[in-house]
Amino acid sequence: MFTILPSHDSSTIVVEIKGEATGRDALHLDEYIEKCFNEDDKFNVIAYIKELNGITQQGLLKGMKVDAKRWKQFNKFAMISNKDWIKTPAKVGKYLPGIQVEVFEDREQEKAWKWMKQ
């Protein structure tokens, strides 16, 4: 489940991820982006990953659709988690064009926000 949290930066979306990522989560995030940003606006994402128990098939498909639709708008993506497995997808993200990806531990939240503003 994705929960959109308040952000102290208008160009950064803050989302908390717990449990299973679903198609409804992807649609909710896309609706939020559509409401808050114009089609050409760049934005950042900070994802607090508390626990991710999996992704439903609809979550994967709709998530990929949202990513493809919004790809040119993504700027920076910070994952904040103490889960070691998060580092692997982040390494892959470094090879994706047009987006910067970094992983931070829970205790490094301030460092993540500073990185967003660089």
Protein backbone atom coordinates (compact mmCIF):
# COMPACT_ATOMS: atom_id res chain seq x y z
CA MET A 1 0.00 0.00 0.00
CA PHE A 2 1.26 3.46 -0.94
CA THR A 3 0.48 6.42 1.32
CA ILE A 4 1.29 9.90 0.04
CA LEU A 5 2.72 11.97 2.87
CA PRO A 6 3.06 15.75 3.22
CA SER A 7 6.16 17.18 1.58
CA HIS A 8 8.01 20.35 2.53
CA ASP A 9 9.13 20.78 -1.09
CA SER A 10 6.55 21.40 -3.82
CA SER A 11 8.62 19.52 -6.42
CA THR A 12 9.01 16.38 -4.28
CA ILE A 13 6.43 13.65 -3.77
CA VAL A 14 6.82 11.73 -0.52
CA VAL A 15 5.36 8.24 -0.42
CA GLU A 16 5.41 5.56 2.26
CA ILE A 17 5.33 1.97 1.07
CA LYS A 18 4.09 -0.82 3.33
CA GLY A 19 2.81 -4.25 2.45
CA GLU A 20 1.91 -5.12 -1.12
CA ALA A 21 2.10 -2.72 -4.09
CA THR A 22 -1.09 -2.90 -6.14
CA GLY A 23 -2.53 -1.49 -9.35
CA ARG A 24 -4.66 0.81 -7.22
CA ASP A 25 -1.47 2.24 -5.69
CA ALA A 26 -0.04 2.99 -9.15
CA LEU A 27 -3.28 4.69 -10.24
CA HIS A 28 -3.47 6.71 -7.02
CA LEU A 29 0.10 7.94 -7.53
CA ASP A 30 -0.60 8.83 -11.17
CA GLU A 31 -3.72 10.79 -10.16
CA TYR A 32 -1.70 12.66 -7.54
CA ILE A 33 0.98 13.54 -10.11
CA GLU A 34 -1.67 14.71 -12.58
CA LYS A 35 -3.28 16.91 -9.93
CA CYS A 36 -0.03 18.48 -8.70
CA PHE A 37 2.15 18.79 -11.81
CA ASN A 38 1.80 19.91 -15.42
CA GLU A 39 2.83 17.41 -18.10
CA ASP A 40 6.23 19.07 -18.56
CA ASP A 41 7.01 19.63 -14.86
CA LYS A 42 9.88 17.65 -13.38
CA PHE A 43 9.46 16.16 -9.92
CA ASN A 44 11.35 14.11 -7.36
CA VAL A 45 10.20 11.16 -5.30
CA ILE A 46 11.22 10.15 -1.81
CA ALA A 47 9.98 6.65 -1.03
CA TYR A 48 10.02 5.47 2.57
CA ILE A 49 10.06 1.71 2.13
CA LYS A 50 9.01 0.23 5.46
CA GLU A 51 8.28 -3.21 4.12
CA LEU A 52 7.38 -4.47 0.70
CA ASN A 53 5.77 -7.89 0.73
CA GLY A 54 5.42 -8.07 -3.02
CA ILE A 55 3.81 -6.56 -6.06
CA THR A 56 0.56 -7.80 -7.53
CA GLN A 57 0.43 -8.48 -11.26
CA GLN A 58 -1.82 -5.44 -11.72
CA GLY A 59 0.57 -3.43 -9.57
CA LEU A 60 3.47 -4.34 -11.82
CA LEU A 61 1.61 -3.67 -15.07
CA LYS A 62 -0.01 -0.41 -13.98
CA GLY A 63 3.20 0.73 -12.29
CA MET A 64 5.13 0.20 -15.52
CA LYS A 65 2.45 2.11 -17.41
CA VAL A 66 2.68 5.06 -15.00
CA ASP A 67 6.50 5.00 -15.18
CA ALA A 68 6.42 5.05 -18.99
CA LYS A 69 3.85 7.86 -19.02
CA ARG A 70 5.76 10.00 -16.50
CA TRP A 71 9.35 9.02 -17.36
CA LYS A 72 10.40 12.43 -18.70
CA GLN A 73 9.07 14.09 -15.56
CA PHE A 74 11.10 12.05 -13.06
CA ASN A 75 14.21 13.86 -11.82
CA LYS A 76 15.51 12.26 -8.63
CA PHE A 77 14.30 9.18 -6.80
CA ALA A 78 15.44 8.55 -3.22
CA MET A 79 14.65 5.28 -1.48
CA ILE A 80 14.85 5.38 2.30
CA SER A 81 14.98 1.96 3.89
CA ASN A 82 16.97 -0.28 6.16
CA LYS A 83 16.25 -3.24 3.89
CA ASP A 84 19.46 -4.41 2.20
CA TRP A 85 17.67 -5.82 -0.86
CA ILE A 86 16.60 -2.26 -1.85
CA LYS A 87 20.17 -1.56 -2.97
CA THR A 88 19.95 -3.96 -5.93
CA PRO A 89 17.08 -2.24 -7.79
CA ALA A 90 18.71 1.10 -7.01
CA LYS A 91 21.90 -0.01 -8.77
CA VAL A 92 19.83 -0.86 -11.86
CA GLY A 93 18.16 2.55 -11.64
CA LYS A 94 21.52 4.27 -12.02
CA TYR A 95 21.64 3.03 -15.61
CA LEU A 96 18.26 4.43 -16.56
CA PRO A 97 18.48 7.64 -18.60
CA GLY A 98 17.20 10.90 -17.21
CA ILE A 99 16.73 9.89 -13.57
CA GLN A 100 19.05 9.88 -10.58
CA VAL A 101 18.55 7.17 -7.96
CA GLU A 102 20.06 6.92 -4.48
CA VAL A 103 19.40 4.74 -1.43
CA PHE A 104 19.52 6.08 2.11
CA GLU A 105 19.07 4.37 5.46
CA ASP A 106 16.28 5.46 7.81
CA ARG A 107 18.73 7.48 9.89
CA GLU A 108 19.80 9.42 6.75
CA GLN A 109 16.52 11.19 6.00
CA GLU A 110 18.06 14.65 6.28
CA LYS A 111 20.86 13.58 3.92
CA ALA A 112 18.23 12.40 1.40
CA TRP A 113 16.47 15.77 1.49
CA LYS A 114 19.76 17.60 1.01
CA TRP A 115 20.55 15.38 -1.98
CA MET A 116 17.15 16.25 -3.49
CA LYS A 117 17.97 19.95 -3.38
CA GLN A 118 21.40 19.62 -5.03
